[in-house]
């Protein structure tokens, strides 16, 4: 009986998780040859301030719409910021510049920041902002269940891809994505 259980292959528990295969040594060498200007701006002056400026501008725009309640305004601000954050850091892959011979073509922005290291100051900040905006929007919507559910789903869609998944080994560059399939080989 033990033999038959060990010989079986485990079923996949989810269809939305895709684990990126290890990078070849040539690609690792290409990534270390030049600085990655696509992700280095995150550590620059003013890069952290722009998040608060964008949130404030979104809030002002939604407040200026006629008939907009504060609850709806905070929820739309939350959803807009979370959508932009997800698109920028987790959905788009590669580098818009053609200076590194495709070394980062199969990496999204989150994987490029600080060479993929987890828990750097920039990544902690980028994890903190969506959570803080969620808490603010939840407070100003007076903990209404409908708004809470919408805000919770929005923050979950942005925070979960930022977390490192751990199993028997560290699953580096494991993608959790609902909106896109596995990346193509280019």
N, C-alpha and C. Protein backbone atom coordinates (compact mmCIF):
# COMPACT_ATOMS: atom_id res chain seq x y z
N UNK A 1 0.83 -1.19 0.00
CA UNK A 1 0.00 0.00 0.00
C UNK A 1 0.87 1.25 0.00
N UNK A 2 1.96 1.24 0.77
CA UNK A 2 2.84 2.39 0.83
C UNK A 2 3.51 2.64 -0.52
N UNK A 3 3.85 1.58 -1.23
CA UNK A 3 4.49 1.73 -2.53
C UNK A 3 3.59 2.45 -3.52
N UNK A 4 2.31 2.11 -3.53
CA UNK A 4 1.41 2.70 -4.52
C UNK A 4 1.17 4.18 -4.21
N UNK A 5 1.17 4.58 -2.94
CA UNK A 5 0.98 5.99 -2.60
C UNK A 5 2.20 6.82 -2.95
N UNK A 6 3.38 6.25 -2.79
CA UNK A 6 4.59 7.01 -3.10
C UNK A 6 4.79 7.15 -4.59
N UNK A 7 4.32 6.24 -5.37
CA UNK A 7 4.50 6.28 -6.81
C UNK A 7 3.56 7.25 -7.51
N UNK A 8 2.52 7.69 -6.82
CA UNK A 8 1.56 8.61 -7.44
C UNK A 8 2.11 10.03 -7.50
N UNK A 9 1.67 10.72 -8.52
CA UNK A 9 2.03 12.13 -8.65
C UNK A 9 0.94 12.98 -8.02
N UNK A 10 1.33 14.01 -7.27
CA UNK A 10 0.34 14.89 -6.64
C UNK A 10 -0.36 15.74 -7.69
N UNK A 11 -1.63 15.97 -7.46
CA UNK A 11 -2.39 16.84 -8.34
C UNK A 11 -2.05 18.28 -8.04
N UNK A 12 -2.15 19.11 -9.06
CA UNK A 12 -1.96 20.54 -8.85
C UNK A 12 -3.17 21.08 -8.10
N UNK A 13 -2.92 21.88 -7.08
CA UNK A 13 -4.02 22.38 -6.27
C UNK A 13 -4.62 23.66 -6.82
N UNK A 14 -3.97 24.28 -7.79
CA UNK A 14 -4.51 25.53 -8.31
C UNK A 14 -4.06 25.71 -9.75
N UNK A 15 -4.91 26.36 -10.52
CA UNK A 15 -4.56 26.64 -11.91
C UNK A 15 -4.11 28.07 -12.11
N UNK A 16 -4.13 28.89 -11.06
CA UNK A 16 -3.74 30.28 -11.25
C UNK A 16 -2.32 30.56 -10.79
N UNK A 17 -1.58 29.60 -10.33
CA UNK A 17 -0.21 29.82 -9.90
C UNK A 17 0.72 29.26 -10.97
N UNK A 18 1.67 30.09 -11.36
CA UNK A 18 2.64 29.70 -12.37
C UNK A 18 4.03 29.93 -11.81
N UNK A 19 4.84 28.92 -11.81
CA UNK A 19 6.20 29.06 -11.31
C UNK A 19 7.14 29.21 -12.49
N UNK A 20 7.88 30.32 -12.46
CA UNK A 20 8.83 30.61 -13.53
C UNK A 20 10.01 29.65 -13.44
N UNK A 21 10.41 29.05 -14.58
CA UNK A 21 11.57 28.16 -14.55
C UNK A 21 12.84 28.95 -14.22
N UNK A 22 13.86 28.28 -13.69
CA UNK A 22 15.10 29.00 -13.34
C UNK A 22 15.73 29.65 -14.56
N UNK A 23 16.36 30.78 -14.32
CA UNK A 23 16.98 31.51 -15.42
C UNK A 23 18.31 30.87 -15.80
N UNK A 24 18.61 30.88 -17.10
CA UNK A 24 19.91 30.33 -17.51
C UNK A 24 21.04 31.25 -17.05
N UNK A 25 22.24 30.73 -16.91
CA UNK A 25 23.37 31.54 -16.44
C UNK A 25 23.66 32.75 -17.33
N UNK A 26 23.43 32.62 -18.63
CA UNK A 26 23.68 33.74 -19.54
C UNK A 26 22.79 34.94 -19.20
N UNK A 27 21.56 34.65 -18.87
CA UNK A 27 20.62 35.72 -18.54
C UNK A 27 20.99 36.39 -17.22
N UNK A 28 21.45 35.63 -16.26
CA UNK A 28 21.89 36.19 -14.98
C UNK A 28 23.09 37.10 -15.19
N UNK A 29 24.02 36.69 -16.06
CA UNK A 29 25.19 37.51 -16.36
C UNK A 29 24.76 38.80 -17.06
N UNK A 30 23.81 38.70 -18.01
CA UNK A 30 23.31 39.89 -18.70
C UNK A 30 22.65 40.86 -17.73
N UNK A 31 21.92 40.35 -16.73
CA UNK A 31 21.24 41.21 -15.77
C UNK A 31 22.23 41.94 -14.88
N UNK A 32 23.37 41.33 -14.59
CA UNK A 32 24.34 41.98 -13.72
C UNK A 32 25.32 42.87 -14.48
N UNK A 33 25.29 42.85 -15.81
CA UNK A 33 26.24 43.62 -16.60
C UNK A 33 25.94 45.12 -16.56
N UNK A 34 24.68 45.50 -16.64
CA UNK A 34 24.28 46.91 -16.66
C UNK A 34 23.26 47.17 -15.57
N UNK A 35 23.20 48.41 -15.07
CA UNK A 35 22.15 48.71 -14.09
C UNK A 35 20.78 48.71 -14.77
N UNK A 36 19.78 48.31 -14.05
CA UNK A 36 18.42 48.24 -14.58
C UNK A 36 17.71 49.56 -14.31
N UNK A 37 17.69 50.44 -15.31
CA UNK A 37 17.06 51.75 -15.12
C UNK A 37 15.55 51.64 -15.02
N UNK A 38 14.99 50.53 -15.45
CA UNK A 38 13.55 50.34 -15.34
C UNK A 38 13.11 50.23 -13.89
N UNK A 39 13.93 49.67 -13.03
CA UNK A 39 13.55 49.47 -11.64
C UNK A 39 14.38 50.29 -10.65
N UNK A 40 15.41 50.95 -11.10
CA UNK A 40 16.26 51.70 -10.16
C UNK A 40 15.62 52.99 -9.69
N UNK A 41 14.63 53.51 -10.40
CA UNK A 41 13.97 54.76 -10.00
C UNK A 41 13.22 54.59 -8.68
N UNK A 42 12.87 53.37 -8.32
CA UNK A 42 12.09 53.12 -7.11
C UNK A 42 12.86 53.58 -5.86
N UNK A 43 14.17 53.52 -5.91
CA UNK A 43 14.98 53.93 -4.78
C UNK A 43 15.42 55.40 -4.85
N UNK A 44 14.98 56.12 -5.88
CA UNK A 44 15.38 57.51 -6.05
C UNK A 44 14.58 58.47 -5.19
N UNK A 45 15.09 59.72 -5.11
CA UNK A 45 14.39 60.75 -4.34
C UNK A 45 13.06 61.06 -5.01
N UNK A 46 12.05 61.20 -4.22
CA UNK A 46 10.73 61.56 -4.73
C UNK A 46 9.90 60.39 -5.23
N UNK A 47 10.50 59.22 -5.37
CA UNK A 47 9.75 58.07 -5.88
C UNK A 47 8.69 57.62 -4.88
N UNK A 48 8.95 57.78 -3.61
CA UNK A 48 7.99 57.36 -2.60
C UNK A 48 6.90 58.42 -2.43
N UNK A 49 7.27 59.67 -2.60
CA UNK A 49 6.32 60.77 -2.42
C UNK A 49 5.23 60.74 -3.50
N UNK A 50 5.59 60.30 -4.70
CA UNK A 50 4.64 60.32 -5.81
C UNK A 50 3.43 59.45 -5.54
N UNK A 51 3.58 58.42 -4.74
CA UNK A 51 2.44 57.56 -4.41
C UNK A 51 1.39 58.34 -3.62
N UNK A 52 1.85 59.12 -2.64
CA UNK A 52 0.91 59.93 -1.86
C UNK A 52 0.30 61.04 -2.69
N UNK A 53 1.09 61.61 -3.61
CA UNK A 53 0.57 62.66 -4.50
C UNK A 53 -0.50 62.07 -5.42
N UNK A 54 -0.24 60.89 -5.98
CA UNK A 54 -1.23 60.26 -6.85
C UNK A 54 -2.52 59.93 -6.10
N UNK A 55 -2.40 59.43 -4.87
CA UNK A 55 -3.58 59.11 -4.08
C UNK A 55 -4.37 60.37 -3.78
N UNK A 56 -3.67 61.46 -3.42
CA UNK A 56 -4.36 62.73 -3.14
C UNK A 56 -5.04 63.28 -4.39
N UNK A 57 -4.37 63.19 -5.54
CA UNK A 57 -4.98 63.67 -6.79
C UNK A 57 -6.21 62.83 -7.16
N UNK A 58 -6.10 61.52 -7.01
CA UNK A 58 -7.26 60.67 -7.29
C UNK A 58 -8.43 61.03 -6.38
N UNK A 59 -8.13 61.25 -5.11
CA UNK A 59 -9.19 61.61 -4.16
C UNK A 59 -9.83 62.94 -4.54
N UNK A 60 -9.02 63.92 -4.94
CA UNK A 60 -9.56 65.22 -5.36
C UNK A 60 -10.41 65.11 -6.62
N UNK A 61 -9.97 64.31 -7.56
CA UNK A 61 -10.74 64.13 -8.80
C UNK A 61 -12.10 63.48 -8.50
N UNK A 62 -12.08 62.44 -7.69
CA UNK A 62 -13.35 61.76 -7.38
C UNK A 62 -14.25 62.62 -6.50
N UNK A 63 -13.67 63.44 -5.62
CA UNK A 63 -14.48 64.35 -4.81
C UNK A 63 -15.11 65.45 -5.65
N UNK A 64 -14.48 65.82 -6.75
CA UNK A 64 -15.01 66.91 -7.57
C UNK A 64 -16.16 66.47 -8.47
N UNK A 65 -16.38 65.18 -8.60
CA UNK A 65 -17.50 64.71 -9.41
C UNK A 65 -18.82 64.97 -8.68
N UNK A 66 -19.81 65.50 -9.40
CA UNK A 66 -21.09 65.80 -8.73
C UNK A 66 -21.82 64.53 -8.29
N UNK A 67 -22.40 64.59 -7.11
CA UNK A 67 -23.18 63.47 -6.60
C UNK A 67 -22.36 62.35 -6.01
N UNK A 68 -21.05 62.56 -5.85
CA UNK A 68 -20.17 61.51 -5.33
C UNK A 68 -20.15 61.57 -3.81
N UNK A 69 -20.47 60.47 -3.17
CA UNK A 69 -20.41 60.42 -1.71
C UNK A 69 -18.97 60.16 -1.28
N UNK A 70 -18.65 60.43 -0.02
CA UNK A 70 -17.31 60.19 0.49
C UNK A 70 -16.96 58.70 0.47
N UNK A 71 -17.94 57.87 0.76
CA UNK A 71 -17.68 56.42 0.76
C UNK A 71 -17.30 55.93 -0.63
N UNK A 72 -18.07 56.37 -1.62
CA UNK A 72 -17.78 55.96 -3.00
C UNK A 72 -16.47 56.56 -3.48
N UNK A 73 -16.19 57.79 -3.08
CA UNK A 73 -14.95 58.45 -3.47
C UNK A 73 -13.74 57.71 -2.93
N UNK A 74 -13.75 57.32 -1.67
CA UNK A 74 -12.64 56.58 -1.09
C UNK A 74 -12.49 55.21 -1.74
N UNK A 75 -13.61 54.56 -2.02
CA UNK A 75 -13.53 53.24 -2.65
C UNK A 75 -12.98 53.33 -4.07
N UNK A 76 -13.42 54.35 -4.83
CA UNK A 76 -12.89 54.52 -6.19
C UNK A 76 -11.41 54.91 -6.17
N UNK A 77 -11.01 55.70 -5.18
CA UNK A 77 -9.59 56.04 -5.04
C UNK A 77 -8.78 54.78 -4.77
N UNK A 78 -9.29 53.96 -3.88
CA UNK A 78 -8.62 52.70 -3.55
C UNK A 78 -8.52 51.80 -4.78
N UNK A 79 -9.62 51.61 -5.47
CA UNK A 79 -9.63 50.73 -6.64
C UNK A 79 -8.72 51.26 -7.74
N UNK A 80 -8.74 52.57 -7.96
CA UNK A 80 -7.90 53.16 -9.02
C UNK A 80 -6.43 52.99 -8.71
N UNK A 81 -6.04 53.27 -7.46
CA UNK A 81 -4.63 53.11 -7.10
C UNK A 81 -4.21 51.65 -7.18
N UNK A 82 -5.05 50.76 -6.70
CA UNK A 82 -4.71 49.33 -6.71
C UNK A 82 -4.60 48.81 -8.15
N UNK A 83 -5.49 49.25 -9.02
CA UNK A 83 -5.42 48.82 -10.42
C UNK A 83 -4.13 49.30 -11.07
N UNK A 84 -3.81 50.58 -10.87
CA UNK A 84 -2.56 51.11 -11.43
C UNK A 84 -1.34 50.42 -10.87
N UNK A 85 -1.35 50.16 -9.57
CA UNK A 85 -0.23 49.48 -8.94
C UNK A 85 -0.07 48.06 -9.48
N UNK A 86 -1.18 47.34 -9.62
CA UNK A 86 -1.10 45.98 -10.14
C UNK A 86 -0.57 45.98 -11.58
N UNK A 87 -1.10 46.87 -12.40
CA UNK A 87 -0.65 46.92 -13.80
C UNK A 87 0.84 47.25 -13.90
N UNK A 88 1.26 48.22 -13.09
CA UNK A 88 2.65 48.67 -13.19
C UNK A 88 3.64 47.66 -12.62
N UNK A 89 3.34 47.09 -11.48
CA UNK A 89 4.34 46.26 -10.80
C UNK A 89 4.20 44.76 -11.07
N UNK A 90 3.03 44.28 -11.49
CA UNK A 90 2.85 42.83 -11.59
C UNK A 90 2.37 42.33 -12.95
N UNK A 91 1.75 43.16 -13.74
CA UNK A 91 1.17 42.68 -15.00
C UNK A 91 2.14 42.85 -16.18
N UNK A 92 2.72 44.03 -16.30
CA UNK A 92 3.61 44.32 -17.42
C UNK A 92 4.96 43.68 -17.16
N UNK A 93 5.47 42.99 -18.18
CA UNK A 93 6.76 42.32 -18.05
C UNK A 93 7.76 42.94 -19.00
N UNK A 94 9.02 42.83 -18.63
CA UNK A 94 10.08 43.33 -19.48
C UNK A 94 10.47 44.75 -19.15
N UNK A 95 11.27 45.32 -20.06
CA UNK A 95 11.79 46.67 -19.91
C UNK A 95 11.40 47.45 -21.16
N UNK A 96 10.90 48.69 -21.01
CA UNK A 96 10.52 49.44 -22.22
C UNK A 96 11.72 49.94 -23.02
N UNK A 97 12.92 49.82 -22.48
CA UNK A 97 14.12 50.27 -23.17
C UNK A 97 14.83 49.05 -23.75
N UNK A 98 15.50 49.24 -24.87
CA UNK A 98 16.21 48.13 -25.49
C UNK A 98 17.70 48.34 -25.33
N UNK A 99 18.20 48.19 -24.10
CA UNK A 99 19.61 48.41 -23.86
C UNK A 99 20.29 47.20 -23.22
N UNK A 100 19.54 46.18 -22.86
CA UNK A 100 20.15 45.08 -22.12
C UNK A 100 19.95 43.72 -22.79
N UNK A 101 19.68 43.71 -24.06
CA UNK A 101 19.57 42.47 -24.85
C UNK A 101 18.55 41.50 -24.29
N UNK A 102 17.46 42.02 -23.73
CA UNK A 102 16.37 41.16 -23.27
C UNK A 102 16.62 40.45 -21.97
N UNK A 103 17.53 40.95 -21.15
CA UNK A 103 17.85 40.26 -19.90
C UNK A 103 16.68 40.25 -18.93
N UNK A 104 15.77 41.22 -19.02
CA UNK A 104 14.65 41.32 -18.09
C UNK A 104 13.30 41.08 -18.77
N UNK A 105 13.31 40.50 -19.94
CA UNK A 105 12.06 40.36 -20.71
C UNK A 105 11.00 39.51 -20.02
N UNK A 106 11.38 38.53 -19.24
CA UNK A 106 10.37 37.67 -18.62
C UNK A 106 10.18 37.98 -17.14
N UNK A 107 10.62 39.17 -16.69
CA UNK A 107 10.43 39.57 -15.31
C UNK A 107 9.50 40.77 -15.25
N UNK A 108 8.60 40.76 -14.28
CA UNK A 108 7.78 41.96 -14.10
C UNK A 108 8.54 42.95 -13.22
N UNK A 109 7.97 44.14 -13.03
CA UNK A 109 8.68 45.20 -12.31
C UNK A 109 9.00 44.80 -10.87
N UNK A 110 8.07 44.11 -10.22
CA UNK A 110 8.29 43.71 -8.83
C UNK A 110 9.51 42.80 -8.71
N UNK A 111 9.69 41.92 -9.69
CA UNK A 111 10.83 41.00 -9.68
C UNK A 111 12.14 41.70 -10.04
N UNK A 112 12.05 42.84 -10.72
CA UNK A 112 13.24 43.58 -11.10
C UNK A 112 13.74 44.51 -9.99
N UNK A 113 12.84 44.96 -9.11
CA UNK A 113 13.23 45.91 -8.07
C UNK A 113 14.23 45.25 -7.13
N UNK A 114 15.34 45.94 -6.89
CA UNK A 114 16.40 45.46 -5.99
C UNK A 114 16.86 44.06 -6.33
N UNK A 115 16.93 43.74 -7.60
CA UNK A 115 17.39 42.45 -8.11
C UNK A 115 16.60 41.27 -7.55
N UNK A 116 15.35 41.49 -7.23
CA UNK A 116 14.49 40.42 -6.76
C UNK A 116 14.59 40.13 -5.28
N UNK A 117 15.41 40.87 -4.54
CA UNK A 117 15.53 40.64 -3.10
C UNK A 117 14.23 41.03 -2.41
N UNK A 118 13.82 40.25 -1.42
CA UNK A 118 12.61 40.54 -0.67
C UNK A 118 12.94 41.40 0.55
N UNK A 119 11.96 42.13 1.01
CA UNK A 119 12.02 42.91 2.25
C UNK A 119 13.10 43.98 2.26
N UNK A 120 13.33 44.59 1.11
CA UNK A 120 14.18 45.77 1.05
C UNK A 120 13.31 46.98 1.43
N UNK A 121 13.90 48.11 1.76
CA UNK A 121 13.09 49.27 2.14
C UNK A 121 12.07 49.68 1.07
N UNK A 122 12.46 49.63 -0.19
CA UNK A 122 11.54 50.01 -1.26
C UNK A 122 10.36 49.04 -1.34
N UNK A 123 10.63 47.76 -1.22
CA UNK A 123 9.54 46.77 -1.29
C UNK A 123 8.65 46.82 -0.06
N UNK A 124 9.23 47.13 1.09
CA UNK A 124 8.40 47.29 2.28
C UNK A 124 7.46 48.47 2.13
N UNK A 125 7.98 49.57 1.57
CA UNK A 125 7.15 50.74 1.35
C UNK A 125 6.03 50.44 0.36
N UNK A 126 6.37 49.76 -0.75
CA UNK A 126 5.37 49.44 -1.77
C UNK A 126 4.35 48.42 -1.27
N UNK A 127 4.66 47.70 -0.23
CA UNK A 127 3.70 46.81 0.41
C UNK A 127 2.86 47.57 1.43
N UNK A 128 3.46 48.57 2.06
CA UNK A 128 2.77 49.37 3.08
C UNK A 128 1.69 50.27 2.48
N UNK A 129 1.96 50.90 1.35
CA UNK A 129 1.02 51.89 0.79
C UNK A 129 -0.36 51.30 0.48
N UNK A 130 -0.48 50.16 -0.20
CA UNK A 130 -1.82 49.61 -0.44
C UNK A 130 -2.55 49.23 0.85
N UNK A 131 -1.81 48.73 1.82
CA UNK A 131 -2.45 48.34 3.09
C UNK A 131 -2.94 49.59 3.83
N UNK A 132 -2.12 50.64 3.84
CA UNK A 132 -2.52 51.88 4.50
C UNK A 132 -3.73 52.51 3.80
N UNK A 133 -3.72 52.48 2.47
CA UNK A 133 -4.87 53.04 1.73
C UNK A 133 -6.13 52.21 1.99
N UNK A 134 -5.98 50.90 2.09
CA UNK A 134 -7.12 50.05 2.43
C UNK A 134 -7.68 50.41 3.80
N UNK A 135 -6.80 50.59 4.79
CA UNK A 135 -7.27 50.94 6.13
C UNK A 135 -7.95 52.32 6.14
N UNK A 136 -7.39 53.28 5.40
CA UNK A 136 -8.02 54.60 5.31
C UNK A 136 -9.39 54.52 4.64
N UNK A 137 -9.44 53.82 3.52
CA UNK A 137 -10.72 53.75 2.79
C UNK A 137 -11.76 52.96 3.60
N UNK A 138 -11.33 51.96 4.34
CA UNK A 138 -12.26 51.21 5.17
C UNK A 138 -12.81 52.09 6.30
N UNK A 139 -11.93 52.89 6.89
CA UNK A 139 -12.36 53.78 7.97
C UNK A 139 -13.35 54.83 7.46
N UNK A 140 -13.01 55.46 6.34
CA UNK A 140 -13.87 56.54 5.83
C UNK A 140 -15.13 56.04 5.13
N UNK A 141 -15.24 54.75 4.89
CA UNK A 141 -16.50 54.19 4.40
C UNK A 141 -17.35 53.68 5.56
N UNK A 142 -16.91 53.98 6.77
CA UNK A 142 -17.64 53.65 7.99
C UNK A 142 -17.88 52.15 8.13
N UNK A 143 -16.91 51.38 7.66
CA UNK A 143 -16.91 49.92 7.81
C UNK A 143 -18.16 49.27 7.22
N UNK A 144 -18.69 49.87 6.16
CA UNK A 144 -19.83 49.29 5.45
C UNK A 144 -19.38 47.99 4.78
N UNK A 145 -20.20 46.96 4.89
CA UNK A 145 -19.81 45.63 4.40
C UNK A 145 -19.55 45.60 2.90
N UNK A 146 -20.38 46.28 2.13
CA UNK A 146 -20.21 46.29 0.67
C UNK A 146 -18.90 46.96 0.28
N UNK A 147 -18.66 48.15 0.82
CA UNK A 147 -17.41 48.86 0.51
C UNK A 147 -16.20 48.09 1.06
N UNK A 148 -16.34 47.50 2.22
CA UNK A 148 -15.25 46.72 2.80
C UNK A 148 -14.89 45.55 1.89
N UNK A 149 -15.89 44.86 1.38
CA UNK A 149 -15.63 43.72 0.49
C UNK A 149 -14.91 44.16 -0.77
N UNK A 150 -15.37 45.25 -1.37
CA UNK A 150 -14.72 45.75 -2.59
C UNK A 150 -13.28 46.17 -2.31
N UNK A 151 -13.08 46.92 -1.22
CA UNK A 151 -11.73 47.37 -0.87
C UNK A 151 -10.82 46.21 -0.50
N UNK A 152 -11.38 45.21 0.17
CA UNK A 152 -10.59 44.05 0.57
C UNK A 152 -10.14 43.24 -0.66
N UNK A 153 -11.03 43.06 -1.61
CA UNK A 153 -10.65 42.35 -2.84
C UNK A 153 -9.58 43.12 -3.61
N UNK A 154 -9.71 44.44 -3.63
CA UNK A 154 -8.72 45.26 -4.34
C UNK A 154 -7.34 45.15 -3.69
N UNK A 155 -7.28 45.26 -2.36
CA UNK A 155 -5.99 45.18 -1.69
C UNK A 155 -5.42 43.76 -1.78
N UNK A 156 -6.27 42.76 -1.75
CA UNK A 156 -5.80 41.38 -1.89
C UNK A 156 -5.17 41.12 -3.25
N UNK A 157 -5.77 41.70 -4.29
CA UNK A 157 -5.24 41.51 -5.64
C UNK A 157 -3.88 42.16 -5.82
N UNK A 158 -3.55 43.14 -4.99
CA UNK A 158 -2.26 43.82 -5.11
C UNK A 158 -1.24 43.29 -4.10
N UNK A 159 -1.67 42.94 -2.91
CA UNK A 159 -0.72 42.52 -1.87
C UNK A 159 -0.28 41.07 -2.06
N UNK A 160 -1.17 40.19 -2.45
CA UNK A 160 -0.81 38.77 -2.58
C UNK A 160 0.32 38.54 -3.58
N UNK A 161 0.33 39.19 -4.77
CA UNK A 161 1.48 38.98 -5.66
C UNK A 161 2.81 39.52 -5.12
N UNK A 162 2.76 40.40 -4.13
CA UNK A 162 3.99 40.95 -3.56
C UNK A 162 4.62 40.03 -2.52
N UNK A 163 3.87 39.10 -1.99
CA UNK A 163 4.37 38.24 -0.91
C UNK A 163 5.19 37.09 -1.45
N UNK A 164 6.30 36.75 -0.75
CA UNK A 164 7.06 35.57 -1.17
C UNK A 164 6.35 34.32 -0.68
N UNK A 165 6.17 33.36 -1.55
CA UNK A 165 5.52 32.12 -1.17
C UNK A 165 6.58 31.13 -0.74
N UNK A 166 6.32 30.47 0.35
CA UNK A 166 7.28 29.50 0.86
C UNK A 166 6.63 28.12 0.90
N UNK A 167 7.36 27.17 0.42
CA UNK A 167 6.93 25.79 0.48
C UNK A 167 8.09 25.01 1.06
N UNK A 168 8.37 23.85 0.50
CA UNK A 168 9.56 23.13 0.96
C UNK A 168 10.83 23.96 0.73
N UNK A 169 10.83 24.75 -0.33
CA UNK A 169 11.93 25.66 -0.62
C UNK A 169 11.33 27.02 -0.94
N UNK A 170 12.16 28.05 -0.93
CA UNK A 170 11.68 29.38 -1.28
C UNK A 170 11.31 29.40 -2.75
N UNK A 171 10.09 29.74 -3.05
CA UNK A 171 9.62 29.77 -4.43
C UNK A 171 9.88 31.16 -5.00
N UNK A 172 11.09 31.37 -5.43
CA UNK A 172 11.48 32.66 -5.97
C UNK A 172 10.82 32.89 -7.32
N UNK A 173 10.25 34.05 -7.50
CA UNK A 173 9.59 34.46 -8.75
C UNK A 173 8.41 33.58 -9.11
N UNK A 174 7.67 33.14 -8.10
CA UNK A 174 6.42 32.44 -8.36
C UNK A 174 5.35 33.49 -8.57
N UNK A 175 4.62 33.40 -9.65
CA UNK A 175 3.62 34.40 -9.96
C UNK A 175 2.23 33.90 -9.62
N UNK A 176 1.48 34.76 -8.98
CA UNK A 176 0.08 34.50 -8.74
C UNK A 176 -0.66 35.50 -9.60
N UNK A 177 -1.31 35.02 -10.64
CA UNK A 177 -1.94 35.93 -11.57
C UNK A 177 -3.28 35.38 -11.99
N UNK A 178 -4.25 36.25 -12.00
CA UNK A 178 -5.60 35.86 -12.41
C UNK A 178 -5.87 36.31 -13.83
N UNK A 179 -5.25 37.41 -14.23
CA UNK A 179 -5.59 38.06 -15.49
C UNK A 179 -4.72 37.65 -16.67
N UNK A 180 -3.59 36.99 -16.43
CA UNK A 180 -2.74 36.62 -17.56
C UNK A 180 -2.22 35.21 -17.35
N UNK A 181 -1.91 34.55 -18.44
CA UNK A 181 -1.39 33.20 -18.38
C UNK A 181 0.12 33.23 -18.22
N UNK A 182 0.74 32.08 -18.39
CA UNK A 182 2.19 32.03 -18.27
C UNK A 182 2.85 32.86 -19.37
N UNK A 183 4.00 33.46 -19.10
CA UNK A 183 4.66 34.27 -20.11
C UNK A 183 5.18 33.41 -21.24
N UNK A 184 5.27 34.02 -22.40
CA UNK A 184 5.79 33.29 -23.56
C UNK A 184 7.29 33.38 -23.57
N UNK A 185 7.94 32.40 -24.18
CA UNK A 185 9.39 32.49 -24.36
C UNK A 185 9.65 33.35 -25.56
N UNK A 186 10.49 34.35 -25.35
CA UNK A 186 10.78 35.28 -26.46
C UNK A 186 12.14 35.05 -27.01
